[in-house]
PDB file of N, CA and C in Angstrom:
ATOM      1  N   MET A   1     -28.743 -10.662  31.960  1.00  0.00           N
ATOM      2  CA  MET A   1     -28.114  -9.649  31.119  1.00  0.00           C
ATOM      3  C   MET A   1     -27.036 -10.317  30.273  1.00  0.00           C
ATOM      4  N   SER A   2     -27.055 -10.096  28.998  1.00  0.00           N
ATOM      5  CA  SER A   2     -26.077 -10.734  28.118  1.00  0.00           C
ATOM      6  C   SER A   2     -24.789  -9.922  28.053  1.00  0.00           C
ATOM      7  N   ALA A   3     -23.738 -10.600  27.666  1.00  0.00           N
ATOM      8  CA  ALA A   3     -22.439  -9.940  27.550  1.00  0.00           C
ATOM      9  C   ALA A   3     -22.463  -8.956  26.378  1.00  0.00           C
ATOM     10  N   PRO A   4     -21.749  -7.850  26.493  1.00  0.00           N
ATOM     11  CA  PRO A   4     -21.717  -6.889  25.378  1.00  0.00           C
ATOM     12  C   PRO A   4     -21.040  -7.507  24.158  1.00  0.00           C
ATOM     13  N   LYS A   5     -21.501  -7.126  23.001  1.00  0.00           N
ATOM     14  CA  LYS A   5     -20.902  -7.642  21.767  1.00  0.00           C
ATOM     15  C   LYS A   5     -19.564  -6.967  21.517  1.00  0.00           C
ATOM     16  N   THR A   6     -18.622  -7.760  21.051  1.00  0.00           N
ATOM     17  CA  THR A   6     -17.319  -7.207  20.715  1.00  0.00           C
ATOM     18  C   THR A   6     -17.348  -6.716  19.283  1.00  0.00           C
ATOM     19  N   LYS A   7     -16.333  -5.966  18.928  1.00  0.00           N
ATOM     20  CA  LYS A   7     -16.244  -5.458  17.558  1.00  0.00           C
ATOM     21  C   LYS A   7     -16.200  -6.616  16.560  1.00  0.00           C
ATOM     22  N   SER A   8     -15.428  -7.678  16.878  1.00  0.00           N
ATOM     23  CA  SER A   8     -15.320  -8.796  15.939  1.00  0.00           C
ATOM     24  C   SER A   8     -16.649  -9.517  15.786  1.00  0.00           C
ATOM     25  N   THR A   9     -17.432  -9.623  16.869  1.00  0.00           N
ATOM     26  CA  THR A   9     -18.744 -10.261  16.771  1.00  0.00           C
ATOM     27  C   THR A   9     -19.627  -9.458  15.827  1.00  0.00           C
ATOM     28  N   ASN A  10     -19.612  -8.145  15.947  1.00  0.00           N
ATOM     29  CA  ASN A  10     -20.410  -7.310  15.060  1.00  0.00           C
ATOM     30  C   ASN A  10     -19.930  -7.450  13.618  1.00  0.00           C
ATOM     31  N   PHE A  11     -18.620  -7.517  13.419  1.00  0.00           N
ATOM     32  CA  PHE A  11     -18.080  -7.691  12.074  1.00  0.00           C
ATOM     33  C   PHE A  11     -18.526  -9.030  11.506  1.00  0.00           C
ATOM     34  N   TYR A  12     -18.431 -10.078  12.298  1.00  0.00           N
ATOM     35  CA  TYR A  12     -18.851 -11.409  11.845  1.00  0.00           C
ATOM     36  C   TYR A  12     -20.327 -11.399  11.469  1.00  0.00           C
ATOM     37  N   ASP A  13     -21.164 -10.794  12.307  1.00  0.00           N
ATOM     38  CA  ASP A  13     -22.592 -10.712  11.999  1.00  0.00           C
ATOM     39  C   ASP A  13     -22.830  -9.952  10.701  1.00  0.00           C
ATOM     40  N   SER A  14     -22.048  -8.898  10.474  1.00  0.00           N
ATOM     41  CA  SER A  14     -22.160  -8.132   9.225  1.00  0.00           C
ATOM     42  C   SER A  14     -21.759  -8.988   8.029  1.00  0.00           C
ATOM     43  N   VAL A  15     -20.695  -9.767   8.192  1.00  0.00           N
ATOM     44  CA  VAL A  15     -20.268 -10.688   7.126  1.00  0.00           C
ATOM     45  C   VAL A  15     -21.413 -11.643   6.796  1.00  0.00           C
ATOM     46  N   TYR A  16     -22.005 -12.230   7.821  1.00  0.00           N
ATOM     47  CA  TYR A  16     -23.082 -13.202   7.600  1.00  0.00           C
ATOM     48  C   TYR A  16     -24.281 -12.558   6.902  1.00  0.00           C
ATOM     49  N   ALA A  17     -24.590 -11.324   7.256  1.00  0.00           N
ATOM     50  CA  ALA A  17     -25.716 -10.621   6.634  1.00  0.00           C
ATOM     51  C   ALA A  17     -25.466 -10.415   5.141  1.00  0.00           C
ATOM     52  N   VAL A  18     -24.238 -10.075   4.760  1.00  0.00           N
ATOM     53  CA  VAL A  18     -23.909  -9.886   3.343  1.00  0.00           C
ATOM     54  C   VAL A  18     -23.926 -11.227   2.614  1.00  0.00           C
ATOM     55  N   VAL A  19     -23.332 -12.245   3.211  1.00  0.00           N
ATOM     56  CA  VAL A  19     -23.242 -13.557   2.563  1.00  0.00           C
ATOM     57  C   VAL A  19     -24.642 -14.123   2.300  1.00  0.00           C
ATOM     58  N   LYS A  20     -25.579 -13.839   3.193  1.00  0.00           N
ATOM     59  CA  LYS A  20     -26.968 -14.303   3.000  1.00  0.00           C
ATOM     60  C   LYS A  20     -27.587 -13.731   1.727  1.00  0.00           C
ATOM     61  N   LYS A  21     -27.072 -12.596   1.249  1.00  0.00           N
ATOM     62  CA  LYS A  21     -27.640 -11.931   0.066  1.00  0.00           C
ATOM     63  C   LYS A  21     -27.125 -12.503  -1.253  1.00  0.00           C
ATOM     64  N   ILE A  22     -26.065 -13.305  -1.210  1.00  0.00           N
ATOM     65  CA  ILE A  22     -25.498 -13.842  -2.451  1.00  0.00           C
ATOM     66  C   ILE A  22     -26.497 -14.838  -3.037  1.00  0.00           C
ATOM     67  N   PRO A  23     -26.956 -14.603  -4.268  1.00  0.00           N
ATOM     68  CA  PRO A  23     -27.964 -15.500  -4.853  1.00  0.00           C
ATOM     69  C   PRO A  23     -27.400 -16.890  -5.147  1.00  0.00           C
ATOM     70  N   LYS A  24     -28.291 -17.850  -5.127  1.00  0.00           N
ATOM     71  CA  LYS A  24     -27.935 -19.215  -5.495  1.00  0.00           C
ATOM     72  C   LYS A  24     -27.372 -19.210  -6.917  1.00  0.00           C
ATOM     73  N   GLY A  25     -26.283 -19.946  -7.128  1.00  0.00           N
ATOM     74  CA  GLY A  25     -25.662 -20.004  -8.446  1.00  0.00           C
ATOM     75  C   GLY A  25     -24.672 -18.881  -8.712  1.00  0.00           C
ATOM     76  N   LYS A  26     -24.404 -18.054  -7.693  1.00  0.00           N
ATOM     77  CA  LYS A  26     -23.447 -16.951  -7.816  1.00  0.00           C
ATOM     78  C   LYS A  26     -22.384 -17.085  -6.732  1.00  0.00           C
ATOM     79  N   VAL A  27     -21.242 -16.442  -6.964  1.00  0.00           N
ATOM     80  CA  VAL A  27     -20.155 -16.422  -5.976  1.00  0.00           C
ATOM     81  C   VAL A  27     -19.595 -15.007  -5.884  1.00  0.00           C
ATOM     82  N   THR A  28     -18.938 -14.740  -4.776  1.00  0.00           N
ATOM     83  CA  THR A  28     -18.200 -13.494  -4.628  1.00  0.00           C
ATOM     84  C   THR A  28     -16.925 -13.811  -3.860  1.00  0.00           C
ATOM     85  N   THR A  29     -16.103 -12.802  -3.660  1.00  0.00           N
ATOM     86  CA  THR A  29     -14.809 -13.024  -3.011  1.00  0.00           C
ATOM     87  C   THR A  29     -14.817 -12.514  -1.569  1.00  0.00           C
ATOM     88  N   TYR A  30     -13.864 -13.025  -0.800  1.00  0.00           N
ATOM     89  CA  TYR A  30     -13.676 -12.541   0.567  1.00  0.00           C
ATOM     90  C   TYR A  30     -13.421 -11.041   0.537  1.00  0.00           C
ATOM     91  N   GLY A  31     -12.601 -10.611  -0.405  1.00  0.00           N
ATOM     92  CA  GLY A  31     -12.251  -9.200  -0.521  1.00  0.00           C
ATOM     93  C   GLY A  31     -13.428  -8.320  -0.866  1.00  0.00           C
ATOM     94  N   HIS A  32     -14.339  -8.820  -1.707  1.00  0.00           N
ATOM     95  CA  HIS A  32     -15.493  -8.006  -2.074  1.00  0.00           C
ATOM     96  C   HIS A  32     -16.429  -7.830  -0.882  1.00  0.00           C
ATOM     97  N   ILE A  33     -16.582  -8.866  -0.096  1.00  0.00           N
ATOM     98  CA  ILE A  33     -17.412  -8.738   1.106  1.00  0.00           C
ATOM     99  C   ILE A  33     -16.785  -7.707   2.047  1.00  0.00           C
ATOM    100  N   ALA A  34     -15.472  -7.777   2.219  1.00  0.00           N
ATOM    101  CA  ALA A  34     -14.772  -6.802   3.058  1.00  0.00           C
ATOM    102  C   ALA A  34     -15.000  -5.381   2.532  1.00  0.00           C
ATOM    103  N   LEU A  35     -14.914  -5.216   1.215  1.00  0.00           N
ATOM    104  CA  LEU A  35     -15.142  -3.915   0.586  1.00  0.00           C
ATOM    105  C   LEU A  35     -16.567  -3.423   0.853  1.00  0.00           C
ATOM    106  N   LEU A  36     -17.552  -4.305   0.704  1.00  0.00           N
ATOM    107  CA  LEU A  36     -18.942  -3.928   0.951  1.00  0.00           C
ATOM    108  C   LEU A  36     -19.160  -3.496   2.404  1.00  0.00           C
ATOM    109  N   LEU A  37     -18.358  -4.045   3.303  1.00  0.00           N
ATOM    110  CA  LEU A  37     -18.494  -3.713   4.720  1.00  0.00           C
ATOM    111  C   LEU A  37     -17.653  -2.495   5.119  1.00  0.00           C
ATOM    112  N   GLY A  38     -16.988  -1.882   4.139  1.00  0.00           N
ATOM    113  CA  GLY A  38     -16.201  -0.690   4.423  1.00  0.00           C
ATOM    114  C   GLY A  38     -14.827  -0.983   5.011  1.00  0.00           C
ATOM    115  N   SER A  39     -14.382  -2.229   4.891  1.00  0.00           N
ATOM    116  CA  SER A  39     -13.067  -2.625   5.392  1.00  0.00           C
ATOM    117  C   SER A  39     -12.313  -3.362   4.288  1.00  0.00           C
ATOM    118  N   PRO A  40     -11.893  -2.633   3.242  1.00  0.00           N
ATOM    119  CA  PRO A  40     -11.337  -3.289   2.051  1.00  0.00           C
ATOM    120  C   PRO A  40     -10.105  -4.159   2.301  1.00  0.00           C
ATOM    121  N   ARG A  41      -9.436  -3.969   3.431  1.00  0.00           N
ATOM    122  CA  ARG A  41      -8.245  -4.769   3.711  1.00  0.00           C
ATOM    123  C   ARG A  41      -8.544  -5.952   4.646  1.00  0.00           C
ATOM    124  N   ALA A  42      -9.815  -6.244   4.853  1.00  0.00           N
ATOM    125  CA  ALA A  42     -10.201  -7.258   5.837  1.00  0.00           C
ATOM    126  C   ALA A  42     -10.656  -8.579   5.209  1.00  0.00           C
ATOM    127  N   ALA A  43     -10.158  -8.900   4.020  1.00  0.00           N
ATOM    128  CA  ALA A  43     -10.564 -10.145   3.357  1.00  0.00           C
ATOM    129  C   ALA A  43     -10.283 -11.356   4.247  1.00  0.00           C
ATOM    130  N   ARG A  44      -9.130 -11.367   4.883  1.00  0.00           N
ATOM    131  CA  ARG A  44      -8.777 -12.503   5.746  1.00  0.00           C
ATOM    132  C   ARG A  44      -9.751 -12.614   6.918  1.00  0.00           C
ATOM    133  N   ALA A  45     -10.171 -11.480   7.461  1.00  0.00           N
ATOM    134  CA  ALA A  45     -11.136 -11.489   8.570  1.00  0.00           C
ATOM    135  C   ALA A  45     -12.482 -12.053   8.119  1.00  0.00           C
ATOM    136  N   VAL A  46     -12.856 -11.805   6.858  1.00  0.00           N
ATOM    137  CA  VAL A  46     -14.080 -12.395   6.307  1.00  0.00           C
ATOM    138  C   VAL A  46     -13.934 -13.913   6.310  1.00  0.00           C
ATOM    139  N   GLY A  47     -12.772 -14.396   5.893  1.00  0.00           N
ATOM    140  CA  GLY A  47     -12.509 -15.831   5.928  1.00  0.00           C
ATOM    141  C   GLY A  47     -12.601 -16.395   7.326  1.00  0.00           C
ATOM    142  N   TYR A  48     -12.047 -15.666   8.298  1.00  0.00           N
ATOM    143  CA  TYR A  48     -12.126 -16.107   9.697  1.00  0.00           C
ATOM    144  C   TYR A  48     -13.588 -16.181  10.156  1.00  0.00           C
ATOM    145  N   ALA A  49     -14.372 -15.187   9.758  1.00  0.00           N
ATOM    146  CA  ALA A  49     -15.791 -15.169  10.145  1.00  0.00           C
ATOM    147  C   ALA A  49     -16.518 -16.397   9.595  1.00  0.00           C
ATOM    148  N   LEU A  50     -16.271 -16.712   8.332  1.00  0.00           N
ATOM    149  CA  LEU A  50     -16.945 -17.862   7.729  1.00  0.00           C
ATOM    150  C   LEU A  50     -16.448 -19.173   8.331  1.00  0.00           C
ATOM    151  N   ASN A  51     -15.169 -19.210   8.664  1.00  0.00           N
ATOM    152  CA  ASN A  51     -14.603 -20.406   9.295  1.00  0.00           C
ATOM    153  C   ASN A  51     -15.160 -20.611  10.707  1.00  0.00           C
ATOM    154  N   ALA A  52     -15.580 -19.518  11.341  1.00  0.00           N
ATOM    155  CA  ALA A  52     -16.101 -19.575  12.701  1.00  0.00           C
ATOM    156  C   ALA A  52     -17.589 -19.916  12.768  1.00  0.00           C
ATOM    157  N   LEU A  53     -18.218 -20.110  11.609  1.00  0.00           N
ATOM    158  CA  LEU A  53     -19.648 -20.430  11.593  1.00  0.00           C
ATOM    159  C   LEU A  53     -19.924 -21.681  12.412  1.00  0.00           C
ATOM    160  N   LYS A  54     -20.921 -21.608  13.249  1.00  0.00           N
ATOM    161  CA  LYS A  54     -21.333 -22.774  14.024  1.00  0.00           C
ATOM    162  C   LYS A  54     -22.063 -23.746  13.100  1.00  0.00           C
ATOM    163  N   LYS A  55     -21.978 -25.025  13.412  1.00  0.00           N
ATOM    164  CA  LYS A  55     -22.591 -26.064  12.568  1.00  0.00           C
ATOM    165  C   LYS A  55     -24.059 -25.762  12.244  1.00  0.00           C
ATOM    166  N   GLU A  56     -24.813 -25.324  13.253  1.00  0.00           N
ATOM    167  CA  GLU A  56     -26.239 -25.078  13.035  1.00  0.00           C
ATOM    168  C   GLU A  56     -26.493 -23.869  12.132  1.00  0.00           C
ATOM    169  N   MET A  57     -25.480 -23.007  11.956  1.00  0.00           N
ATOM    170  CA  MET A  57     -25.632 -21.834  11.099  1.00  0.00           C
ATOM    171  C   MET A  57     -25.229 -22.109   9.648  1.00  0.00           C
ATOM    172  N   GLU A  58     -24.490 -23.196   9.418  1.00  0.00           N
ATOM    173  CA  GLU A  58     -24.010 -23.480   8.061  1.00  0.00           C
ATOM    174  C   GLU A  58     -25.143 -23.660   7.059  1.00  0.00           C
ATOM    175  N   GLN A  59     -26.327 -24.079   7.530  1.00  0.00           N
ATOM    176  CA  GLN A  59     -27.476 -24.241   6.640  1.00  0.00           C
ATOM    177  C   GLN A  59     -28.129 -22.893   6.317  1.00  0.00           C
ATOM    178  N   LYS A  60     -27.937 -21.913   7.190  1.00  0.00           N
ATOM    179  CA  LYS A  60     -28.583 -20.603   7.028  1.00  0.00           C
ATOM    180  C   LYS A  60     -27.713 -19.593   6.302  1.00  0.00           C
ATOM    181  N   ILE A  61     -26.407 -19.756   6.392  1.00  0.00           N
ATOM    182  CA  ILE A  61     -25.463 -18.823   5.773  1.00  0.00           C
ATOM    183  C   ILE A  61     -24.782 -19.550   4.608  1.00  0.00           C
ATOM    184  N   PRO A  62     -24.971 -19.110   3.366  1.00  0.00           N
ATOM    185  CA  PRO A  62     -24.382 -19.829   2.221  1.00  0.00           C
ATOM    186  C   PRO A  62     -22.879 -19.575   2.070  1.00  0.00           C
ATOM    187  N   TRP A  63     -22.125 -20.029   3.051  1.00  0.00           N
ATOM    188  CA  TRP A  63     -20.668 -19.852   3.117  1.00  0.00           C
ATOM    189  C   TRP A  63     -19.968 -20.331   1.853  1.00  0.00           C
ATOM    190  N   GLN A  64     -20.532 -21.336   1.200  1.00  0.00           N
ATOM    191  CA  GLN A  64     -19.889 -21.928   0.026  1.00  0.00           C
ATOM    192  C   GLN A  64     -19.800 -20.958  -1.145  1.00  0.00           C
ATOM    193  N   ARG A  65     -20.558 -19.881  -1.119  1.00  0.00           N
ATOM    194  CA  ARG A  65     -20.578 -18.924  -2.237  1.00  0.00           C
ATOM    195  C   ARG A  65     -19.470 -17.884  -2.160  1.00  0.00           C
ATOM    196  N   VAL A  66     -18.564 -18.023  -1.198  1.00  0.00           N
ATOM    197  CA  VAL A  66     -17.458 -17.079  -1.057  1.00  0.00           C
ATOM    198  C   VAL A  66     -16.158 -17.809  -1.394  1.00  0.00           C
ATOM    199  N   ILE A  67     -15.437 -17.261  -2.383  1.00  0.00           N
ATOM    200  CA  ILE A  67     -14.205 -17.889  -2.864  1.00  0.00           C
ATOM    201  C   ILE A  67     -13.093 -16.838  -2.920  1.00  0.00           C
ATOM    202  N   ASN A  68     -11.904 -17.264  -3.303  1.00  0.00           N
ATOM    203  CA  ASN A  68     -10.800 -16.296  -3.330  1.00  0.00           C
ATOM    204  C   ASN A  68     -10.786 -15.483  -4.629  1.00  0.00           C
ATOM    205  N   ALA A  69      -9.929 -14.492  -4.681  1.00  0.00           N
ATOM    206  CA  ALA A  69      -9.879 -13.549  -5.803  1.00  0.00           C
ATOM    207  C   ALA A  69      -9.419 -14.194  -7.111  1.00  0.00           C
ATOM    208  N   GLN A  70      -8.807 -15.371  -7.029  1.00  0.00           N
ATOM    209  CA  GLN A  70      -8.400 -16.094  -8.239  1.00  0.00           C
ATOM    210  C   GLN A  70      -9.549 -16.941  -8.795  1.00  0.00           C
ATOM    211  N   GLY A  71     -10.703 -16.886  -8.149  1.00  0.00           N
ATOM    212  CA  GLY A  71     -11.843 -17.668  -8.603  1.00  0.00           C
ATOM    213  C   GLY A  71     -11.782 -19.111  -8.153  1.00  0.00           C
ATOM    214  N   ARG A  72     -11.006 -19.362  -7.115  1.00  0.00           N
ATOM    215  CA  ARG A  72     -10.839 -20.730  -6.619  1.00  0.00           C
ATOM    216  C   ARG A  72     -11.314 -20.853  -5.177  1.00  0.00           C
ATOM    217  N   ILE A  73     -11.514 -22.092  -4.781  1.00  0.00           N
ATOM    218  CA  ILE A  73     -11.841 -22.392  -3.392  1.00  0.00           C
ATOM    219  C   ILE A  73     -10.555 -22.340  -2.579  1.00  0.00           C
ATOM    220  N   SER A  74     -10.602 -21.653  -1.449  1.00  0.00           N
ATOM    221  CA  SER A  74      -9.463 -21.630  -0.526  1.00  0.00           C
ATOM    222  C   SER A  74      -9.695 -22.717   0.504  1.00  0.00           C
ATOM    223  N   PHE A  75      -8.735 -23.621   0.648  1.00  0.00           N
ATOM    224  CA  PHE A  75      -9.011 -24.727   1.555  1.00  0.00           C
ATOM    225  C   PHE A  75      -8.017 -24.918   2.684  1.00  0.00           C
ATOM    226  N   ARG A  76      -6.852 -24.319   2.630  1.00  0.00           N
ATOM    227  CA  ARG A  76      -5.892 -24.395   3.732  1.00  0.00           C
ATOM    228  C   ARG A  76      -5.738 -25.803   4.301  1.00  0.00           C
ATOM    229  N   GLY A  77      -5.669 -26.795   3.440  1.00  0.00           N
ATOM    230  CA  GLY A  77      -5.428 -28.153   3.892  1.00  0.00           C
ATOM    231  C   GLY A  77      -6.663 -28.935   4.287  1.00  0.00           C
ATOM    232  N   ASP A  78      -7.826 -28.268   4.367  1.00  0.00           N
ATOM    233  CA  ASP A  78      -9.065 -28.962   4.729  1.00  0.00           C
ATOM    234  C   ASP A  78      -9.730 -29.464   3.449  1.00  0.00           C
ATOM    235  N   THR A  79      -9.275 -30.620   2.978  1.00  0.00           N
ATOM    236  CA  THR A  79      -9.775 -31.127   1.697  1.00  0.00           C
ATOM    237  C   THR A  79     -11.241 -31.546   1.775  1.00  0.00           C
ATOM    238  N   PHE A  80     -11.697 -31.998   2.940  1.00  0.00           N
ATOM    239  CA  PHE A  80     -13.107 -32.378   3.056  1.00  0.00           C
ATOM    240  C   PHE A  80     -14.001 -31.164   2.818  1.00  0.00           C
ATOM    241  N   ARG A  81     -13.699 -30.066   3.509  1.00  0.00           N
ATOM    242  CA  ARG A  81     -14.535 -28.861   3.381  1.00  0.00           C
ATOM    243  C   ARG A  81     -14.460 -28.277   1.973  1.00  0.00           C
ATOM    244  N   SER A  82     -13.273 -28.299   1.361  1.00  0.00           N
ATOM    245  CA  SER A  82     -13.159 -27.740   0.008  1.00  0.00           C
ATOM    246  C   SER A  82     -13.916 -28.591  -1.005  1.00  0.00           C
ATOM    247  N   SER A  83     -13.867 -29.913  -0.866  1.00  0.00           N
ATOM    248  CA  SER A  83     -14.620 -30.743  -1.812  1.00  0.00           C
ATOM    249  C   SER A  83     -16.120 -30.607  -1.567  1.00  0.00           C
ATOM    250  N   LEU A  84     -16.522 -30.435  -0.299  1.00  0.00           N
ATOM    251  CA  LEU A  84     -17.931 -30.184   0.022  1.00  0.00           C
ATOM    252  C   LEU A  84     -18.376 -28.866  -0.611  1.00  0.00           C
ATOM    253  N   GLN A  85     -17.546 -27.827  -0.485  1.00  0.00           N
ATOM    254  CA  GLN A  85     -17.868 -26.523  -1.056  1.00  0.00           C
ATOM    255  C   GLN A  85     -18.056 -26.643  -2.564  1.00  0.00           C
ATOM    256  N   LYS A  86     -17.165 -27.350  -3.226  1.00  0.00           N
ATOM    257  CA  LYS A  86     -17.263 -27.517  -4.677  1.00  0.00           C
ATOM    258  C   LYS A  86     -18.540 -28.266  -5.051  1.00  0.00           C
ATOM    259  N   LYS A  87     -18.851 -29.325  -4.322  1.00  0.00           N
ATOM    260  CA  LYS A  87     -20.070 -30.099  -4.617  1.00  0.00           C
ATOM    261  C   LYS A  87     -21.322 -29.260  -4.445  1.00  0.00           C
ATOM    262  N   ILE A  88     -21.376 -28.464  -3.372  1.00  0.00           N
ATOM    263  CA  ILE A  88     -22.556 -27.617  -3.139  1.00  0.00           C
ATOM    264  C   ILE A  88     -22.689 -26.583  -4.258  1.00  0.00           C
ATOM    265  N   LEU A  89     -21.580 -25.941  -4.625  1.00  0.00           N
ATOM    266  CA  LEU A  89     -21.624 -24.940  -5.703  1.00  0.00           C
ATOM    267  C   LEU A  89     -22.060 -25.580  -7.014  1.00  0.00           C
ATOM    268  N   GLU A  90     -21.535 -26.746  -7.334  1.00  0.00           N
ATOM    269  CA  GLU A  90     -21.938 -27.429  -8.568  1.00  0.00           C
ATOM    270  C   GLU A  90     -23.421 -27.784  -8.534  1.00  0.00           C
ATOM    271  N   SER A  91     -23.933 -28.150  -7.359  1.00  0.00           N
ATOM    272  CA  SER A  91     -25.368 -28.463  -7.249  1.00  0.00           C
ATOM    273  C   SER A  91     -26.228 -27.219  -7.453  1.00  0.00           C
ATOM    274  N   GLU A  92     -25.623 -26.020  -7.250  1.00  0.00           N
ATOM    275  CA  GLU A  92     -26.324 -24.756  -7.476  1.00  0.00           C
ATOM    276  C   GLU A  92     -26.166 -24.273  -8.920  1.00  0.00           C
ATOM    277  N   GLY A  93     -25.439 -25.039  -9.738  1.00  0.00           N
ATOM    278  CA  GLY A  93     -25.282 -24.681 -11.142  1.00  0.00           C
ATOM    279  C   GLY A  93     -23.990 -23.975 -11.496  1.00  0.00           C
ATOM    280  N   VAL A  94     -23.101 -23.791 -10.521  1.00  0.00           N
ATOM    281  CA  VAL A  94     -21.816 -23.143 -10.783  1.00  0.00           C
ATOM    282  C   VAL A  94     -20.882 -24.167 -11.426  1.00  0.00           C
ATOM    283  N   VAL A  95     -20.236 -23.756 -12.518  1.00  0.00           N
ATOM    284  CA  VAL A  95     -19.348 -24.651 -13.251  1.00  0.00           C
ATOM    285  C   VAL A  95     -17.898 -24.223 -13.036  1.00  0.00           C
ATOM    286  N   PHE A  96     -17.049 -25.185 -12.732  1.00  0.00           N
ATOM    287  CA  PHE A  96     -15.616 -24.942 -12.551  1.00  0.00           C
ATOM    288  C   PHE A  96     -14.891 -25.231 -13.853  1.00  0.00           C
ATOM    289  N   ASP A  97     -13.901 -24.405 -14.184  1.00  0.00           N
ATOM    290  CA  ASP A  97     -13.058 -24.626 -15.356  1.00  0.00           C
ATOM    291  C   ASP A  97     -12.280 -25.927 -15.150  1.00  0.00           C
ATOM    292  N   LEU A  98     -12.284 -26.780 -16.154  1.00  0.00           N
ATOM    293  CA  LEU A  98     -11.634 -28.085 -16.023  1.00  0.00           C
ATOM    294  C   LEU A  98     -10.115 -27.986 -15.949  1.00  0.00           C
ATOM    295  N   ASN A  99      -9.526 -26.954 -16.546  1.00  0.00           N
ATOM    296  CA  ASN A  99      -8.070 -26.832 -16.570  1.00  0.00           C
ATOM    297  C   ASN A  99      -7.471 -26.361 -15.257  1.00  0.00           C
ATOM    298  N   ASN A 100      -8.056 -25.333 -14.656  1.00  0.00           N
ATOM    299  CA  ASN A 100      -7.456 -24.791 -13.440  1.00  0.00           C
ATOM    300  C   ASN A 100      -8.410 -24.730 -12.253  1.00  0.00           C
ATOM    301  N   ASP A 101      -9.566 -25.383 -12.370  1.00  0.00           N
ATOM    302  CA  ASP A 101     -10.511 -25.523 -11.262  1.00  0.00           C
ATOM    303  C   ASP A 101     -10.964 -24.189 -10.681  1.00  0.00           C
ATOM    304  N   ASN A 102     -11.091 -23.182 -11.537  1.00  0.00           N
ATOM    305  CA  ASN A 102     -11.607 -21.912 -11.034  1.00  0.00           C
ATOM    306  C   ASN A 102     -12.969 -21.602 -11.640  1.00  0.00           C
ATOM    307  N   ILE A 103     -13.569 -20.520 -11.157  1.00  0.00           N
ATOM    308  CA  ILE A 103     -14.914 -20.126 -11.557  1.00  0.00           C
ATOM    309  C   ILE A 103     -14.831 -18.835 -12.368  1.00  0.00           C
ATOM    310  N   ASN A 104     -15.620 -18.756 -13.418  1.00  0.00           N
ATOM    311  CA  ASN A 104     -15.670 -17.580 -14.279  1.00  0.00           C
ATOM    312  C   ASN A 104     -16.509 -16.494 -13.598  1.00  0.00           C
ATOM    313  N   PHE A 105     -15.837 -15.428 -13.144  1.00  0.00           N
ATOM    314  CA  PHE A 105     -16.542 -14.337 -12.464  1.00  0.00           C
ATOM    315  C   PHE A 105     -17.513 -13.611 -13.393  1.00  0.00           C
ATOM    316  N   ASP A 106     -17.198 -13.557 -14.694  1.00  0.00           N
ATOM    317  CA  ASP A 106     -18.106 -12.879 -15.620  1.00  0.00           C
ATOM    318  C   ASP A 106     -19.468 -13.569 -15.644  1.00  0.00           C
ATOM    319  N   LYS A 107     -19.471 -14.866 -15.498  1.00  0.00           N
ATOM    320  CA  LYS A 107     -20.711 -15.644 -15.554  1.00  0.00           C
ATOM    321  C   LYS A 107     -21.342 -15.855 -14.178  1.00  0.00           C
ATOM    322  N   TYR A 108     -20.526 -16.116 -13.171  1.00  0.00           N
ATOM    323  CA  TYR A 108     -21.052 -16.497 -11.860  1.00  0.00           C
ATOM    324  C   TYR A 108     -20.792 -15.485 -10.744  1.00  0.00           C
ATOM    325  N   GLY A 109     -20.113 -14.407 -11.073  1.00  0.00           N
ATOM    326  CA  GLY A 109     -19.761 -13.430 -10.034  1.00  0.00           C
ATOM    327  C   GLY A 109     -20.936 -12.596  -9.555  1.00  0.00           C
ATOM    328  N   TRP A 110     -20.904 -12.250  -8.281  1.00  0.00           N
ATOM    329  CA  TRP A 110     -21.881 -11.357  -7.646  1.00  0.00           C
ATOM    330  C   TRP A 110     -21.088 -10.238  -7.003  1.00  0.00           C
ATOM    331  N   PHE A 111     -21.147  -9.060  -7.627  1.00  0.00           N
ATOM    332  CA  PHE A 111     -20.336  -7.923  -7.164  1.00  0.00           C
ATOM    333  C   PHE A 111     -21.149  -6.634  -7.109  1.00  0.00           C
ATOM    334  N   PRO A 112     -22.121  -6.566  -6.196  1.00  0.00           N
ATOM    335  CA  PRO A 112     -22.941  -5.345  -6.111  1.00  0.00           C
ATOM    336  C   PRO A 112     -22.134  -4.156  -5.576  1.00  0.00           C
TER     337      PRO A 112
END
């Protein structure tokens, strides 16, 4: 018999289900995912969910397509992960502004 799922586990699974829908070459924000899940104030929890992804799940969940509301990568001091995120997004065709390193939501945003 497996352990019962906690509320946070269900929330994390919901985050992953939404993130899987983001098309290649598009990005959305932590806040928009929270809004889609009916928890508009839970942007930080979306970030926690993506940060908690197990290594084997990183290939299945396109975590790199979620950025902050300023159109930038949030890295909290993890420069390796942020540069990896930028490289993956660029390989998907997403272009960063050369002046402030952000992404144009009008062109690359996914906001269903």
